[in-house]
PDB file of N, CA and C in Angstrom:
ATOM      1  N   UNK A   1     -15.263   4.903 -16.439  1.00  0.00           N
ATOM      2  CA  UNK A   1     -13.873   4.505 -16.626  1.00  0.00           C
ATOM      3  C   UNK A   1     -13.778   2.984 -16.570  1.00  0.00           C
ATOM      4  N   UNK A   2     -12.989   2.451 -17.441  1.00  0.00           N
ATOM      5  CA  UNK A   2     -12.804   1.009 -17.499  1.00  0.00           C
ATOM      6  C   UNK A   2     -11.909   0.536 -16.348  1.00  0.00           C
ATOM      7  N   UNK A   3     -12.283  -0.603 -15.766  1.00  0.00           N
ATOM      8  CA  UNK A   3     -11.507  -1.158 -14.658  1.00  0.00           C
ATOM      9  C   UNK A   3     -10.160  -1.672 -15.174  1.00  0.00           C
ATOM     10  N   UNK A   4      -9.108  -1.342 -14.448  1.00  0.00           N
ATOM     11  CA  UNK A   4      -7.757  -1.781 -14.805  1.00  0.00           C
ATOM     12  C   UNK A   4      -7.321  -2.880 -13.843  1.00  0.00           C
ATOM     13  N   UNK A   5      -7.022  -4.043 -14.379  1.00  0.00           N
ATOM     14  CA  UNK A   5      -6.487  -5.141 -13.583  1.00  0.00           C
ATOM     15  C   UNK A   5      -5.027  -5.316 -13.997  1.00  0.00           C
ATOM     16  N   UNK A   6      -4.123  -4.761 -13.201  1.00  0.00           N
ATOM     17  CA  UNK A   6      -2.699  -4.775 -13.563  1.00  0.00           C
ATOM     18  C   UNK A   6      -2.119  -6.164 -13.741  1.00  0.00           C
ATOM     19  N   UNK A   7      -2.636  -7.118 -13.017  1.00  0.00           N
ATOM     20  CA  UNK A   7      -2.071  -8.470 -13.112  1.00  0.00           C
ATOM     21  C   UNK A   7      -2.297  -9.085 -14.498  1.00  0.00           C
ATOM     22  N   UNK A   8      -3.223  -8.543 -15.257  1.00  0.00           N
ATOM     23  CA  UNK A   8      -3.523  -9.052 -16.601  1.00  0.00           C
ATOM     24  C   UNK A   8      -2.701  -8.335 -17.685  1.00  0.00           C
ATOM     25  N   UNK A   9      -1.950  -7.307 -17.299  1.00  0.00           N
ATOM     26  CA  UNK A   9      -1.167  -6.522 -18.244  1.00  0.00           C
ATOM     27  C   UNK A   9       0.306  -6.894 -18.100  1.00  0.00           C
ATOM     28  N   UNK A  10       0.980  -7.210 -19.192  1.00  0.00           N
ATOM     29  CA  UNK A  10       2.411  -7.561 -19.108  1.00  0.00           C
ATOM     30  C   UNK A  10       3.210  -6.438 -18.423  1.00  0.00           C
ATOM     31  N   UNK A  11       4.185  -6.812 -17.627  1.00  0.00           N
ATOM     32  CA  UNK A  11       4.964  -5.849 -16.839  1.00  0.00           C
ATOM     33  C   UNK A  11       5.574  -4.759 -17.708  1.00  0.00           C
ATOM     34  N   UNK A  12       6.101  -5.122 -18.849  1.00  0.00           N
ATOM     35  CA  UNK A  12       6.756  -4.122 -19.696  1.00  0.00           C
ATOM     36  C   UNK A  12       5.776  -3.145 -20.351  1.00  0.00           C
ATOM     37  N   UNK A  13       4.486  -3.408 -20.234  1.00  0.00           N
ATOM     38  CA  UNK A  13       3.476  -2.517 -20.802  1.00  0.00           C
ATOM     39  C   UNK A  13       2.777  -1.657 -19.743  1.00  0.00           C
ATOM     40  N   UNK A  14       3.160  -1.832 -18.489  1.00  0.00           N
ATOM     41  CA  UNK A  14       2.551  -1.047 -17.407  1.00  0.00           C
ATOM     42  C   UNK A  14       3.240   0.310 -17.325  1.00  0.00           C
ATOM     43  N   UNK A  15       2.453   1.361 -17.323  1.00  0.00           N
ATOM     44  CA  UNK A  15       3.008   2.708 -17.205  1.00  0.00           C
ATOM     45  C   UNK A  15       2.702   3.255 -15.816  1.00  0.00           C
ATOM     46  N   UNK A  16       3.401   4.313 -15.470  1.00  0.00           N
ATOM     47  CA  UNK A  16       3.187   4.943 -14.169  1.00  0.00           C
ATOM     48  C   UNK A  16       1.755   5.453 -14.039  1.00  0.00           C
ATOM     49  N   UNK A  17       1.267   6.142 -15.067  1.00  0.00           N
ATOM     50  CA  UNK A  17      -0.100   6.687 -14.981  1.00  0.00           C
ATOM     51  C   UNK A  17      -1.135   5.567 -14.912  1.00  0.00           C
ATOM     52  N   UNK A  18      -0.886   4.469 -15.597  1.00  0.00           N
ATOM     53  CA  UNK A  18      -1.779   3.318 -15.540  1.00  0.00           C
ATOM     54  C   UNK A  18      -1.816   2.750 -14.114  1.00  0.00           C
ATOM     55  N   UNK A  19      -0.651   2.674 -13.483  1.00  0.00           N
ATOM     56  CA  UNK A  19      -0.569   2.142 -12.122  1.00  0.00           C
ATOM     57  C   UNK A  19      -1.307   3.048 -11.136  1.00  0.00           C
ATOM     58  N   UNK A  20      -1.175   4.355 -11.299  1.00  0.00           N
ATOM     59  CA  UNK A  20      -1.885   5.296 -10.420  1.00  0.00           C
ATOM     60  C   UNK A  20      -3.397   5.106 -10.553  1.00  0.00           C
ATOM     61  N   UNK A  21      -3.877   4.998 -11.773  1.00  0.00           N
ATOM     62  CA  UNK A  21      -5.319   4.802 -12.000  1.00  0.00           C
ATOM     63  C   UNK A  21      -5.792   3.470 -11.417  1.00  0.00           C
ATOM     64  N   UNK A  22      -4.993   2.436 -11.618  1.00  0.00           N
ATOM     65  CA  UNK A  22      -5.371   1.106 -11.132  1.00  0.00           C
ATOM     66  C   UNK A  22      -5.453   1.065  -9.612  1.00  0.00           C
ATOM     67  N   UNK A  23      -4.488   1.680  -8.938  1.00  0.00           N
ATOM     68  CA  UNK A  23      -4.481   1.691  -7.467  1.00  0.00           C
ATOM     69  C   UNK A  23      -5.620   2.564  -6.934  1.00  0.00           C
ATOM     70  N   UNK A  24      -5.931   3.644  -7.645  1.00  0.00           N
ATOM     71  CA  UNK A  24      -7.057   4.489  -7.245  1.00  0.00           C
ATOM     72  C   UNK A  24      -8.373   3.715  -7.344  1.00  0.00           C
ATOM     73  N   UNK A  25      -8.473   2.816  -8.304  1.00  0.00           N
ATOM     74  CA  UNK A  25      -9.674   1.998  -8.474  1.00  0.00           C
ATOM     75  C   UNK A  25      -9.769   0.903  -7.421  1.00  0.00           C
ATOM     76  N   UNK A  26      -8.627   0.286  -7.140  1.00  0.00           N
ATOM     77  CA  UNK A  26      -8.612  -0.836  -6.197  1.00  0.00           C
ATOM     78  C   UNK A  26      -7.221  -0.931  -5.574  1.00  0.00           C
ATOM     79  N   UNK A  27      -7.152  -0.707  -4.272  1.00  0.00           N
ATOM     80  CA  UNK A  27      -5.844  -0.688  -3.593  1.00  0.00           C
ATOM     81  C   UNK A  27      -5.075  -1.993  -3.753  1.00  0.00           C
ATOM     82  N   UNK A  28      -5.766  -3.096  -3.969  1.00  0.00           N
ATOM     83  CA  UNK A  28      -5.078  -4.379  -4.096  1.00  0.00           C
ATOM     84  C   UNK A  28      -4.261  -4.468  -5.384  1.00  0.00           C
ATOM     85  N   UNK A  29      -4.479  -3.559  -6.306  1.00  0.00           N
ATOM     86  CA  UNK A  29      -3.640  -3.511  -7.513  1.00  0.00           C
ATOM     87  C   UNK A  29      -2.197  -3.177  -7.171  1.00  0.00           C
ATOM     88  N   UNK A  30      -1.946  -2.676  -5.962  1.00  0.00           N
ATOM     89  CA  UNK A  30      -0.569  -2.352  -5.541  1.00  0.00           C
ATOM     90  C   UNK A  30       0.332  -3.582  -5.647  1.00  0.00           C
ATOM     91  N   UNK A  31      -0.263  -4.760  -5.535  1.00  0.00           N
ATOM     92  CA  UNK A  31       0.514  -6.004  -5.640  1.00  0.00           C
ATOM     93  C   UNK A  31       1.199  -6.135  -6.990  1.00  0.00           C
ATOM     94  N   UNK A  32       0.603  -5.563  -8.024  1.00  0.00           N
ATOM     95  CA  UNK A  32       1.120  -5.715  -9.380  1.00  0.00           C
ATOM     96  C   UNK A  32       1.846  -4.481  -9.910  1.00  0.00           C
ATOM     97  N   UNK A  33       2.034  -3.495  -9.044  1.00  0.00           N
ATOM     98  CA  UNK A  33       2.752  -2.286  -9.457  1.00  0.00           C
ATOM     99  C   UNK A  33       4.252  -2.558  -9.378  1.00  0.00           C
ATOM    100  N   UNK A  34       4.989  -2.304 -10.469  1.00  0.00           N
ATOM    101  CA  UNK A  34       6.443  -2.478 -10.414  1.00  0.00           C
ATOM    102  C   UNK A  34       7.051  -1.578  -9.330  1.00  0.00           C
ATOM    103  N   UNK A  35       8.083  -2.067  -8.687  1.00  0.00           N
ATOM    104  CA  UNK A  35       8.714  -1.345  -7.574  1.00  0.00           C
ATOM    105  C   UNK A  35       9.067   0.089  -7.956  1.00  0.00           C
ATOM    106  N   UNK A  36       9.577   0.291  -9.156  1.00  0.00           N
ATOM    107  CA  UNK A  36      10.008   1.630  -9.577  1.00  0.00           C
ATOM    108  C   UNK A  36       8.855   2.631  -9.638  1.00  0.00           C
ATOM    109  N   UNK A  37       7.601   2.146  -9.701  1.00  0.00           N
ATOM    110  CA  UNK A  37       6.444   3.029  -9.754  1.00  0.00           C
ATOM    111  C   UNK A  37       5.789   3.250  -8.388  1.00  0.00           C
ATOM    112  N   UNK A  38       6.288   2.585  -7.367  1.00  0.00           N
ATOM    113  CA  UNK A  38       5.709   2.766  -6.028  1.00  0.00           C
ATOM    114  C   UNK A  38       6.283   4.046  -5.418  1.00  0.00           C
ATOM    115  N   UNK A  39       5.483   5.098  -5.472  1.00  0.00           N
ATOM    116  CA  UNK A  39       5.914   6.423  -5.025  1.00  0.00           C
ATOM    117  C   UNK A  39       4.917   6.990  -4.017  1.00  0.00           C
ATOM    118  N   UNK A  40       5.299   8.116  -3.406  1.00  0.00           N
ATOM    119  CA  UNK A  40       4.375   8.805  -2.493  1.00  0.00           C
ATOM    120  C   UNK A  40       3.106   9.211  -3.214  1.00  0.00           C
ATOM    121  N   UNK A  41       3.257   9.675  -4.434  1.00  0.00           N
ATOM    122  CA  UNK A  41       2.086  10.085  -5.211  1.00  0.00           C
ATOM    123  C   UNK A  41       1.137   8.905  -5.425  1.00  0.00           C
ATOM    124  N   UNK A  42       1.685   7.753  -5.756  1.00  0.00           N
ATOM    125  CA  UNK A  42       0.857   6.578  -5.996  1.00  0.00           C
ATOM    126  C   UNK A  42       0.108   6.173  -4.727  1.00  0.00           C
ATOM    127  N   UNK A  43       0.813   6.105  -3.602  1.00  0.00           N
ATOM    128  CA  UNK A  43       0.136   5.652  -2.381  1.00  0.00           C
ATOM    129  C   UNK A  43      -0.775   6.726  -1.789  1.00  0.00           C
ATOM    130  N   UNK A  44      -0.660   7.965  -2.258  1.00  0.00           N
ATOM    131  CA  UNK A  44      -1.571   8.999  -1.766  1.00  0.00           C
ATOM    132  C   UNK A  44      -3.001   8.745  -2.228  1.00  0.00           C
ATOM    133  N   UNK A  45      -3.179   7.883  -3.213  1.00  0.00           N
ATOM    134  CA  UNK A  45      -4.511   7.514  -3.699  1.00  0.00           C
ATOM    135  C   UNK A  45      -5.174   6.451  -2.820  1.00  0.00           C
ATOM    136  N   UNK A  46      -4.445   5.921  -1.881  1.00  0.00           N
ATOM    137  CA  UNK A  46      -4.957   4.851  -1.020  1.00  0.00           C
ATOM    138  C   UNK A  46      -5.476   5.460   0.279  1.00  0.00           C
ATOM    139  N   UNK A  47      -6.685   5.105   0.638  1.00  0.00           N
ATOM    140  CA  UNK A  47      -7.300   5.641   1.862  1.00  0.00           C
ATOM    141  C   UNK A  47      -7.213   4.660   3.031  1.00  0.00           C
ATOM    142  N   UNK A  48      -7.114   3.399   2.728  1.00  0.00           N
ATOM    143  CA  UNK A  48      -7.178   2.349   3.727  1.00  0.00           C
ATOM    144  C   UNK A  48      -6.048   1.362   3.449  1.00  0.00           C
ATOM    145  N   UNK A  49      -5.119   1.235   4.377  1.00  0.00           N
ATOM    146  CA  UNK A  49      -3.898   0.465   4.129  1.00  0.00           C
ATOM    147  C   UNK A  49      -3.920  -0.967   4.659  1.00  0.00           C
ATOM    148  N   UNK A  50      -5.040  -1.396   5.215  1.00  0.00           N
ATOM    149  CA  UNK A  50      -5.049  -2.754   5.735  1.00  0.00           C
ATOM    150  C   UNK A  50      -4.930  -3.764   4.598  1.00  0.00           C
ATOM    151  N   UNK A  51      -4.132  -4.785   4.838  1.00  0.00           N
ATOM    152  CA  UNK A  51      -3.955  -5.855   3.869  1.00  0.00           C
ATOM    153  C   UNK A  51      -2.926  -5.599   2.782  1.00  0.00           C
ATOM    154  N   UNK A  52      -2.356  -4.394   2.741  1.00  0.00           N
ATOM    155  CA  UNK A  52      -1.390  -4.109   1.677  1.00  0.00           C
ATOM    156  C   UNK A  52      -0.028  -3.679   2.208  1.00  0.00           C
ATOM    157  N   UNK A  53       0.171  -3.706   3.505  1.00  0.00           N
ATOM    158  CA  UNK A  53       1.426  -3.237   4.091  1.00  0.00           C
ATOM    159  C   UNK A  53       2.643  -3.967   3.529  1.00  0.00           C
ATOM    160  N   UNK A  54       2.506  -5.247   3.262  1.00  0.00           N
ATOM    161  CA  UNK A  54       3.671  -5.989   2.768  1.00  0.00           C
ATOM    162  C   UNK A  54       4.045  -5.598   1.340  1.00  0.00           C
ATOM    163  N   UNK A  55       3.176  -4.900   0.639  1.00  0.00           N
ATOM    164  CA  UNK A  55       3.453  -4.483  -0.731  1.00  0.00           C
ATOM    165  C   UNK A  55       4.000  -3.063  -0.826  1.00  0.00           C
ATOM    166  N   UNK A  56       4.087  -2.373   0.308  1.00  0.00           N
ATOM    167  CA  UNK A  56       4.612  -1.004   0.318  1.00  0.00           C
ATOM    168  C   UNK A  56       6.107  -1.024   0.603  1.00  0.00           C
ATOM    169  N   UNK A  57       6.881  -0.243  -0.132  1.00  0.00           N
ATOM    170  CA  UNK A  57       8.318  -0.161   0.161  1.00  0.00           C
ATOM    171  C   UNK A  57       8.550   0.417   1.559  1.00  0.00           C
ATOM    172  N   UNK A  58       9.550  -0.089   2.225  1.00  0.00           N
ATOM    173  CA  UNK A  58       9.896   0.340   3.580  1.00  0.00           C
ATOM    174  C   UNK A  58       9.997   1.857   3.679  1.00  0.00           C
ATOM    175  N   UNK A  59      10.673   2.471   2.719  1.00  0.00           N
ATOM    176  CA  UNK A  59      10.936   3.910   2.792  1.00  0.00           C
ATOM    177  C   UNK A  59       9.681   4.765   2.618  1.00  0.00           C
ATOM    178  N   UNK A  60       8.591   4.189   2.146  1.00  0.00           N
ATOM    179  CA  UNK A  60       7.348   4.947   1.979  1.00  0.00           C
ATOM    180  C   UNK A  60       6.384   4.776   3.147  1.00  0.00           C
ATOM    181  N   UNK A  61       6.697   3.866   4.035  1.00  0.00           N
ATOM    182  CA  UNK A  61       5.811   3.653   5.188  1.00  0.00           C
ATOM    183  C   UNK A  61       6.033   4.769   6.205  1.00  0.00           C
ATOM    184  N   UNK A  62       4.946   5.407   6.570  1.00  0.00           N
ATOM    185  CA  UNK A  62       4.996   6.449   7.597  1.00  0.00           C
ATOM    186  C   UNK A  62       4.254   5.951   8.823  1.00  0.00           C
ATOM    187  N   UNK A  63       4.414   6.666   9.910  1.00  0.00           N
ATOM    188  CA  UNK A  63       3.689   6.282  11.122  1.00  0.00           C
ATOM    189  C   UNK A  63       2.184   6.328  10.869  1.00  0.00           C
ATOM    190  N   UNK A  64       1.719   7.349  10.149  1.00  0.00           N
ATOM    191  CA  UNK A  64       0.288   7.500   9.873  1.00  0.00           C
ATOM    192  C   UNK A  64      -0.247   6.331   9.048  1.00  0.00           C
ATOM    193  N   UNK A  65       0.512   5.906   8.058  1.00  0.00           N
ATOM    194  CA  UNK A  65       0.100   4.759   7.248  1.00  0.00           C
ATOM    195  C   UNK A  65       0.028   3.507   8.110  1.00  0.00           C
ATOM    196  N   UNK A  66       1.025   3.306   8.940  1.00  0.00           N
ATOM    197  CA  UNK A  66       1.057   2.125   9.814  1.00  0.00           C
ATOM    198  C   UNK A  66      -0.111   2.146  10.803  1.00  0.00           C
ATOM    199  N   UNK A  67      -0.385   3.295  11.368  1.00  0.00           N
ATOM    200  CA  UNK A  67      -1.496   3.428  12.309  1.00  0.00           C
ATOM    201  C   UNK A  67      -2.819   3.149  11.603  1.00  0.00           C
ATOM    202  N   UNK A  68      -2.973   3.672  10.402  1.00  0.00           N
ATOM    203  CA  UNK A  68      -4.175   3.430   9.603  1.00  0.00           C
ATOM    204  C   UNK A  68      -4.365   1.927   9.393  1.00  0.00           C
ATOM    205  N   UNK A  69      -3.310   1.231   9.058  1.00  0.00           N
ATOM    206  CA  UNK A  69      -3.389  -0.213   8.819  1.00  0.00           C
ATOM    207  C   UNK A  69      -3.723  -0.971  10.106  1.00  0.00           C
ATOM    208  N   UNK A  70      -3.131  -0.568  11.217  1.00  0.00           N
ATOM    209  CA  UNK A  70      -3.356  -1.271  12.485  1.00  0.00           C
ATOM    210  C   UNK A  70      -4.785  -1.106  12.989  1.00  0.00           C
ATOM    211  N   UNK A  71      -5.410  -0.010  12.667  1.00  0.00           N
ATOM    212  CA  UNK A  71      -6.795   0.209  13.093  1.00  0.00           C
ATOM    213  C   UNK A  71      -7.748  -0.763  12.424  1.00  0.00           C
ATOM    214  N   UNK A  72      -7.324  -1.342  11.317  1.00  0.00           N
ATOM    215  CA  UNK A  72      -8.210  -2.194  10.534  1.00  0.00           C
ATOM    216  C   UNK A  72      -7.762  -3.654  10.425  1.00  0.00           C
ATOM    217  N   UNK A  73      -6.463  -3.904  10.612  1.00  0.00           N
ATOM    218  CA  UNK A  73      -5.964  -5.265  10.389  1.00  0.00           C
ATOM    219  C   UNK A  73      -4.700  -5.505  11.209  1.00  0.00           C
ATOM    220  N   UNK A  74      -4.836  -6.154  12.324  1.00  0.00           N
ATOM    221  CA  UNK A  74      -3.683  -6.370  13.205  1.00  0.00           C
ATOM    222  C   UNK A  74      -2.649  -7.313  12.607  1.00  0.00           C
ATOM    223  N   UNK A  75      -3.019  -8.063  11.600  1.00  0.00           N
ATOM    224  CA  UNK A  75      -2.079  -9.009  10.988  1.00  0.00           C
ATOM    225  C   UNK A  75      -0.999  -8.309  10.166  1.00  0.00           C
ATOM    226  N   UNK A  76      -1.202  -7.043   9.862  1.00  0.00           N
ATOM    227  CA  UNK A  76      -0.190  -6.271   9.145  1.00  0.00           C
ATOM    228  C   UNK A  76       0.929  -5.787  10.066  1.00  0.00           C
ATOM    229  N   UNK A  77       0.812  -6.041  11.350  1.00  0.00           N
ATOM    230  CA  UNK A  77       1.795  -5.564  12.322  1.00  0.00           C
ATOM    231  C   UNK A  77       3.214  -6.013  11.968  1.00  0.00           C
ATOM    232  N   UNK A  78       3.355  -7.205  11.438  1.00  0.00           N
ATOM    233  CA  UNK A  78       4.695  -7.719  11.105  1.00  0.00           C
ATOM    234  C   UNK A  78       5.353  -6.939   9.970  1.00  0.00           C
ATOM    235  N   UNK A  79       4.588  -6.127   9.243  1.00  0.00           N
ATOM    236  CA  UNK A  79       5.144  -5.324   8.154  1.00  0.00           C
ATOM    237  C   UNK A  79       5.404  -3.867   8.562  1.00  0.00           C
ATOM    238  N   UNK A  80       5.164  -3.570   9.820  1.00  0.00           N
ATOM    239  CA  UNK A  80       5.414  -2.225  10.339  1.00  0.00           C
ATOM    240  C   UNK A  80       6.897  -2.107  10.685  1.00  0.00           C
ATOM    241  N   UNK A  81       7.568  -1.054  10.208  1.00  0.00           N
ATOM    242  CA  UNK A  81       8.974  -0.865  10.571  1.00  0.00           C
ATOM    243  C   UNK A  81       9.141  -0.743  12.088  1.00  0.00           C
ATOM    244  N   UNK A  82      10.208  -1.277  12.585  1.00  0.00           N
ATOM    245  CA  UNK A  82      10.476  -1.299  14.028  1.00  0.00           C
ATOM    246  C   UNK A  82      10.367   0.085  14.659  1.00  0.00           C
ATOM    247  N   UNK A  83      10.828   1.104  13.958  1.00  0.00           N
ATOM    248  CA  UNK A  83      10.822   2.455  14.521  1.00  0.00           C
ATOM    249  C   UNK A  83       9.411   2.978  14.792  1.00  0.00           C
ATOM    250  N   UNK A  84       8.397   2.384  14.180  1.00  0.00           N
ATOM    251  CA  UNK A  84       7.014   2.825  14.384  1.00  0.00           C
ATOM    252  C   UNK A  84       6.240   1.951  15.373  1.00  0.00           C
ATOM    253  N   UNK A  85       6.878   0.923  15.881  1.00  0.00           N
ATOM    254  CA  UNK A  85       6.181   0.026  16.804  1.00  0.00           C
ATOM    255  C   UNK A  85       6.168   0.636  18.205  1.00  0.00           C
ATOM    256  N   UNK A  86       5.307   1.610  18.373  1.00  0.00           N
ATOM    257  CA  UNK A  86       5.163   2.318  19.648  1.00  0.00           C
ATOM    258  C   UNK A  86       4.044   1.673  20.459  1.00  0.00           C
ATOM    259  N   UNK A  87       3.919   2.108  21.688  1.00  0.00           N
ATOM    260  CA  UNK A  87       2.846   1.595  22.545  1.00  0.00           C
ATOM    261  C   UNK A  87       1.487   1.897  21.927  1.00  0.00           C
ATOM    262  N   UNK A  88       1.285   3.107  21.433  1.00  0.00           N
ATOM    263  CA  UNK A  88       0.015   3.476  20.829  1.00  0.00           C
ATOM    264  C   UNK A  88      -0.314   2.589  19.627  1.00  0.00           C
ATOM    265  N   UNK A  89       0.674   2.337  18.799  1.00  0.00           N
ATOM    266  CA  UNK A  89       0.456   1.502  17.632  1.00  0.00           C
ATOM    267  C   UNK A  89       0.131   0.065  18.043  1.00  0.00           C
ATOM    268  N   UNK A  90       0.847  -0.415  19.050  1.00  0.00           N
ATOM    269  CA  UNK A  90       0.585  -1.769  19.548  1.00  0.00           C
ATOM    270  C   UNK A  90      -0.822  -1.882  20.107  1.00  0.00           C
ATOM    271  N   UNK A  91      -1.266  -0.858  20.821  1.00  0.00           N
ATOM    272  CA  UNK A  91      -2.630  -0.882  21.367  1.00  0.00           C
ATOM    273  C   UNK A  91      -3.673  -0.864  20.259  1.00  0.00           C
ATOM    274  N   UNK A  92      -3.401  -0.193  19.161  1.00  0.00           N
ATOM    275  CA  UNK A  92      -4.327  -0.188  18.032  1.00  0.00           C
ATOM    276  C   UNK A  92      -4.446  -1.562  17.405  1.00  0.00           C
ATOM    277  N   UNK A  93      -3.393  -2.348  17.491  1.00  0.00           N
ATOM    278  CA  UNK A  93      -3.406  -3.648  16.822  1.00  0.00           C
ATOM    279  C   UNK A  93      -4.154  -4.720  17.604  1.00  0.00           C
ATOM    280  N   UNK A  94      -4.495  -4.426  18.855  1.00  0.00           N
ATOM    281  CA  UNK A  94      -5.229  -5.450  19.635  1.00  0.00           C
ATOM    282  C   UNK A  94      -6.670  -5.099  19.863  1.00  0.00           C
TER     283      UNK A  94
END
């Protein structure tokens, strides 16, 4: 399969299926996914959320996603919704 670099494709030419494939190839492609295409299905292709928390819509962030990110990158803590900032999550970030 050919590598998809979304940042090289004009926004009006990006499709939902293209975005899903691109994120499955490289989670950092989430930076170039139009907001309207950021869905649960799209983020289900991501296994490791460190470094991309700021690119996820608030309403799609779950406690599990936040915990996954904190286990790998404490700098994403500022992108965790307040309701998920529990003692356990805080301990994971240090």
